[in-house]
C-alpha atoms as a PDB file:
ATOM      1  CA  MET A   1      17.945  -1.960  31.164  1.00  0.00           C
ATOM      2  CA  PRO A   2      18.896  -4.969  29.021  1.00  0.00           C
ATOM      3  CA  ASP A   3      18.365  -4.777  25.296  1.00  0.00           C
ATOM      4  CA  THR A   4      15.577  -7.035  24.163  1.00  0.00           C
ATOM      5  CA  PRO A   5      16.086  -8.717  20.815  1.00  0.00           C
ATOM      6  CA  PRO A   6      13.639  -7.699  18.112  1.00  0.00           C
ATOM      7  CA  SER A   7      10.739 -10.082  17.803  1.00  0.00           C
ATOM      8  CA  ALA A   8      10.613 -12.388  14.831  1.00  0.00           C
ATOM      9  CA  PRO A   9       8.387 -11.248  11.995  1.00  0.00           C
ATOM     10  CA  ARG A  10       4.856 -12.571  12.075  1.00  0.00           C
ATOM     11  CA  TYR A  11       3.774 -14.542   9.032  1.00  0.00           C
ATOM     12  CA  LEU A  12       0.285 -14.931   7.594  1.00  0.00           C
ATOM     13  CA  THR A  13      -1.131 -17.485   5.210  1.00  0.00           C
ATOM     14  CA  PRO A  14      -2.156 -16.293   1.748  1.00  0.00           C
ATOM     15  CA  GLY A  15      -5.769 -16.951   2.803  1.00  0.00           C
ATOM     16  CA  GLN A  16      -5.440 -14.600   5.771  1.00  0.00           C
ATOM     17  CA  VAL A  17      -3.861 -11.915   3.588  1.00  0.00           C
ATOM     18  CA  ALA A  18      -6.543 -12.397   0.929  1.00  0.00           C
ATOM     19  CA  GLU A  19      -9.215 -11.853   3.561  1.00  0.00           C
ATOM     20  CA  LEU A  20      -7.510  -8.684   4.839  1.00  0.00           C
ATOM     21  CA  LEU A  21      -7.138  -7.264   1.330  1.00  0.00           C
ATOM     22  CA  ALA A  22     -10.462  -8.606  -0.002  1.00  0.00           C
ATOM     23  CA  VAL A  23      -8.758 -10.225  -2.997  1.00  0.00           C
ATOM     24  CA  PRO A  24      -8.414 -13.825  -4.218  1.00  0.00           C
ATOM     25  CA  VAL A  25      -5.588 -15.968  -2.816  1.00  0.00           C
ATOM     26  CA  GLU A  26      -4.076 -16.163  -6.306  1.00  0.00           C
ATOM     27  CA  GLU A  27      -3.662 -12.384  -6.315  1.00  0.00           C
ATOM     28  CA  VAL A  28      -1.809 -12.536  -2.991  1.00  0.00           C
ATOM     29  CA  VAL A  29       0.647 -15.070  -4.425  1.00  0.00           C
ATOM     30  CA  ALA A  30       1.025 -12.889  -7.539  1.00  0.00           C
ATOM     31  CA  LEU A  31       1.828  -9.872  -5.315  1.00  0.00           C
ATOM     32  CA  VAL A  32       4.554 -11.947  -3.636  1.00  0.00           C
ATOM     33  CA  HIS A  33       5.984 -12.966  -7.029  1.00  0.00           C
ATOM     34  CA  GLU A  34       5.942  -9.299  -8.127  1.00  0.00           C
ATOM     35  CA  GLY A  35       7.823  -8.311  -4.968  1.00  0.00           C
ATOM     36  CA  ARG A  36       5.017  -6.085  -3.707  1.00  0.00           C
ATOM     37  CA  LEU A  37       4.568  -8.361  -0.666  1.00  0.00           C
ATOM     38  CA  ARG A  38       7.401 -10.138   1.138  1.00  0.00           C
ATOM     39  CA  GLY A  39       6.821 -13.849   1.443  1.00  0.00           C
ATOM     40  CA  ALA A  40       8.451 -17.243   1.261  1.00  0.00           C
ATOM     41  CA  GLN A  41       7.574 -20.880   0.971  1.00  0.00           C
ATOM     42  CA  LEU A  42       8.204 -22.427   4.383  1.00  0.00           C
ATOM     43  CA  GLY A  43       7.890 -25.910   5.822  1.00  0.00           C
ATOM     44  CA  SER A  44       7.621 -29.334   4.310  1.00  0.00           C
ATOM     45  CA  PRO A  45       5.714 -29.503   2.095  1.00  0.00           C
ATOM     46  CA  PRO A  46       6.437 -25.841   1.350  1.00  0.00           C
ATOM     47  CA  ARG A  47       3.534 -23.462   1.894  1.00  0.00           C
ATOM     48  CA  TRP A  48       3.443 -19.745   1.225  1.00  0.00           C
ATOM     49  CA  ARG A  49       3.734 -17.400   4.182  1.00  0.00           C
ATOM     50  CA  VAL A  50       3.563 -13.618   3.888  1.00  0.00           C
ATOM     51  CA  GLU A  51       5.286 -11.253   6.296  1.00  0.00           C
ATOM     52  CA  GLU A  52       2.612  -9.270   8.150  1.00  0.00           C
ATOM     53  CA  ALA A  53       4.681  -6.064   8.085  1.00  0.00           C
ATOM     54  CA  SER A  54       4.788  -6.207   4.281  1.00  0.00           C
ATOM     55  CA  VAL A  55       0.982  -6.312   4.191  1.00  0.00           C
ATOM     56  CA  ASN A  56       0.893  -3.130   6.290  1.00  0.00           C
ATOM     57  CA  ASP A  57       3.494  -1.515   3.997  1.00  0.00           C
ATOM     58  CA  TYR A  58       1.463  -2.523   0.937  1.00  0.00           C
ATOM     59  CA  LEU A  59      -1.711  -1.007   2.404  1.00  0.00           C
ATOM     60  CA  GLU A  60       0.124   2.231   3.216  1.00  0.00           C
ATOM     61  CA  ASP A  61       1.501   2.376  -0.348  1.00  0.00           C
ATOM     62  CA  GLN A  62      -1.945   1.777  -1.854  1.00  0.00           C
ATOM     63  CA  THR A  63      -3.462   4.453   0.402  1.00  0.00           C
ATOM     64  CA  GLU A  64      -0.822   6.959  -0.706  1.00  0.00           C
ATOM     65  CA  ILE A  65      -1.411   6.119  -4.376  1.00  0.00           C
ATOM     66  CA  ALA A  66      -5.163   6.642  -3.921  1.00  0.00           C
ATOM     67  CA  ARG A  67      -4.569   9.933  -2.073  1.00  0.00           C
ATOM     68  CA  ARG A  68      -2.333  11.257  -4.852  1.00  0.00           C
ATOM     69  CA  ALA A  69      -4.797  10.156  -7.541  1.00  0.00           C
ATOM     70  CA  ALA A  70      -7.609  11.989  -5.743  1.00  0.00           C
ATOM     71  CA  LEU A  71      -5.517  15.160  -5.481  1.00  0.00           C
ATOM     72  CA  TRP A  72      -4.609  14.935  -9.157  1.00  0.00           C
ATOM     73  CA  HIS A  73      -8.267  14.439 -10.086  1.00  0.00           C
ATOM     74  CA  GLN A  74      -9.233  17.468  -7.994  1.00  0.00           C
ATOM     75  CA  SER A  75      -6.557  19.587  -9.672  1.00  0.00           C
ATOM     76  CA  GLU A  76      -7.814  18.592 -13.132  1.00  0.00           C
ATOM     77  CA  ASN A  77     -11.298  19.787 -12.199  1.00  0.00           C
ATOM     78  CA  ALA A  78     -10.176  23.067 -10.655  1.00  0.00           C
ATOM     79  CA  SER A  79      -9.981  26.243 -12.674  1.00  0.00           C
ATOM     80  CA  PHE A  80      -7.117  28.694 -12.264  1.00  0.00           C
ATOM     81  CA  PRO A  81      -9.213  31.249 -10.345  1.00  0.00           C
ATOM     82  CA  GLU A  82     -10.293  28.521  -7.919  1.00  0.00           C
ATOM     83  CA  VAL A  83      -6.697  27.529  -7.303  1.00  0.00           C
ATOM     84  CA  TRP A  84      -4.868  30.855  -7.502  1.00  0.00           C
ATOM     85  CA  GLY A  85      -7.640  33.359  -6.897  1.00  0.00           C
ATOM     86  CA  PRO A  86      -8.850  36.011  -9.322  1.00  0.00           C
ATOM     87  CA  ALA A  87      -6.340  37.631 -11.631  1.00  0.00           C
ATOM     88  CA  PRO A  88      -4.947  40.926 -10.356  1.00  0.00           C
ATOM     89  CA  ARG A  89      -6.303  44.032 -12.046  1.00  0.00           C
ATOM     90  CA  ILE A  90      -3.788  46.019 -13.975  1.00  0.00           C
ATOM     91  CA  GLN A  91      -4.438  49.728 -13.903  1.00  0.00           C
ATOM     92  CA  ARG A  92      -3.458  51.778 -16.901  1.00  0.00           C
END
């Protein structure tokens, strides 16, 4: 079976990304400048395009951050007996 070349990355406009993330377009461009989304200015005149895969990666990262924050919050609210069970009785 012949090897098929990988498909070219799909690019989205900042407006499309903003709609997916429910944020302003300016925030999308800021995320690109911060390196949290992969994007480039393409064409003439140059217009921002964001790699779709980087949007998926960003969403996965944000989901993981939220999951860890929720676990940390739960651990702060738990008492030792809830987490570890009751203390063992020491017989004398």
